[in-house]
C-alpha atoms as a PDB file:
ATOM      1  CA  MET A   1       9.840  -3.320  14.564  1.00  0.00           C
ATOM      2  CA  GLU A   2       7.850  -3.681  11.556  1.00  0.00           C
ATOM      3  CA  ILE A   3       6.889  -0.873   9.247  1.00  0.00           C
ATOM      4  CA  VAL A   4       3.353  -1.110   7.779  1.00  0.00           C
ATOM      5  CA  ALA A   5       2.272   0.300   4.414  1.00  0.00           C
ATOM      6  CA  GLU A   6      -1.307   0.553   3.048  1.00  0.00           C
ATOM      7  CA  CYS A   7      -2.996   1.834  -0.168  1.00  0.00           C
ATOM      8  CA  PRO A   8      -6.188   3.536   1.276  1.00  0.00           C
ATOM      9  CA  VAL A   9      -7.557   3.749  -2.335  1.00  0.00           C
ATOM     10  CA  LEU A  10      -7.717  -0.171  -2.325  1.00  0.00           C
ATOM     11  CA  PRO A  11      -9.583  -1.354   0.866  1.00  0.00           C
ATOM     12  CA  GLY A  12      -7.550  -4.092   2.533  1.00  0.00           C
ATOM     13  CA  CYS A  13      -4.393  -3.464   0.576  1.00  0.00           C
ATOM     14  CA  VAL A  14      -1.869  -3.691   3.365  1.00  0.00           C
ATOM     15  CA  SER A  15       1.933  -4.841   3.633  1.00  0.00           C
ATOM     16  CA  GLN A  16       4.614  -4.822   6.204  1.00  0.00           C
ATOM     17  CA  GLY A  17       8.849  -4.954   5.997  1.00  0.00           C
ATOM     18  CA  ARG A  18      11.492  -4.457   8.418  1.00  0.00           C
ATOM     19  CA  THR A  19      12.774  -1.399   6.725  1.00  0.00           C
ATOM     20  CA  ARG A  20      11.007   1.430   4.792  1.00  0.00           C
ATOM     21  CA  GLU A  21      12.566   0.045   1.495  1.00  0.00           C
ATOM     22  CA  GLU A  22      11.110  -3.516   2.275  1.00  0.00           C
ATOM     23  CA  ALA A  23       7.469  -2.160   3.053  1.00  0.00           C
ATOM     24  CA  LEU A  24       7.477  -0.047  -0.024  1.00  0.00           C
ATOM     25  CA  ALA A  25       8.567  -3.075  -2.141  1.00  0.00           C
ATOM     26  CA  ASN A  26       6.187  -5.238  -0.489  1.00  0.00           C
ATOM     27  CA  ILE A  27       3.157  -2.717  -0.877  1.00  0.00           C
ATOM     28  CA  ARG A  28       4.169  -2.207  -4.529  1.00  0.00           C
ATOM     29  CA  GLU A  29       3.808  -6.334  -4.958  1.00  0.00           C
ATOM     30  CA  ALA A  30       0.622  -6.269  -2.820  1.00  0.00           C
ATOM     31  CA  ILE A  31      -0.980  -3.242  -5.192  1.00  0.00           C
ATOM     32  CA  GLU A  32      -0.123  -5.366  -8.307  1.00  0.00           C
ATOM     33  CA  LEU A  33      -1.510  -8.395  -7.068  1.00  0.00           C
ATOM     34  CA  TYR A  34      -4.579  -6.558  -5.791  1.00  0.00           C
ATOM     35  CA  LEU A  35      -5.159  -5.089  -9.271  1.00  0.00           C
ATOM     36  CA  GLU A  36      -4.914  -8.663 -11.047  1.00  0.00           C
ATOM     37  CA  THR A  37      -8.090  -9.750  -8.904  1.00  0.00           C
ATOM     38  CA  GLU A  38     -11.428  -9.685 -10.306  1.00  0.00           C
ATOM     39  CA  GLU A  39     -12.827  -7.668  -7.298  1.00  0.00           C
ATOM     40  CA  ALA A  40     -10.220  -4.860  -7.999  1.00  0.00           C
ATOM     41  CA  PRO A  41     -12.438  -1.709  -7.846  1.00  0.00           C
ATOM     42  CA  GLU A  42     -12.179   0.928 -10.542  1.00  0.00           C
ATOM     43  CA  LEU A  43      -9.549   3.432  -9.524  1.00  0.00           C
ATOM     44  CA  PRO A  44     -10.592   7.162  -9.149  1.00  0.00           C
ATOM     45  CA  THR A  45      -9.080   9.780 -11.829  1.00  0.00           C
ATOM     46  CA  ALA A  46      -7.888  12.082  -9.026  1.00  0.00           C
ATOM     47  CA  PHE A  47      -6.632  11.261  -5.641  1.00  0.00           C
ATOM     48  CA  GLU A  48      -4.248  12.992  -3.011  1.00  0.00           C
ATOM     49  CA  VAL A  49      -0.960  11.526  -2.023  1.00  0.00           C
ATOM     50  CA  ALA A  50       0.468  12.083   1.501  1.00  0.00           C
ATOM     51  CA  GLU A  51       3.201  10.866   3.487  1.00  0.00           C
ATOM     52  CA  ALA A  52       3.314  10.397   7.302  1.00  0.00           C
ATOM     53  CA  GLU A  53       6.570   9.220   9.440  1.00  0.00           C
ATOM     54  CA  VAL A  54       6.030   8.123  13.018  1.00  0.00           C
ATOM     55  CA  ILE A  55       8.759   7.745  15.271  1.00  0.00           C
ATOM     56  CA  VAL A  56       8.211   5.731  18.606  1.00  0.00           C
END
């Protein structure tokens, strides 16, 4: 099973991992790489943080 992580503020910034920890580490790296690109959008000054867990 793969766990998918995404950053909704950055369109298309998605990653995955075999564990929650791996998925979080991978999305952190994806965010860093995304922000290094020339197409990186200006980030909003305020945003909401939410977390959801789905068990199948």
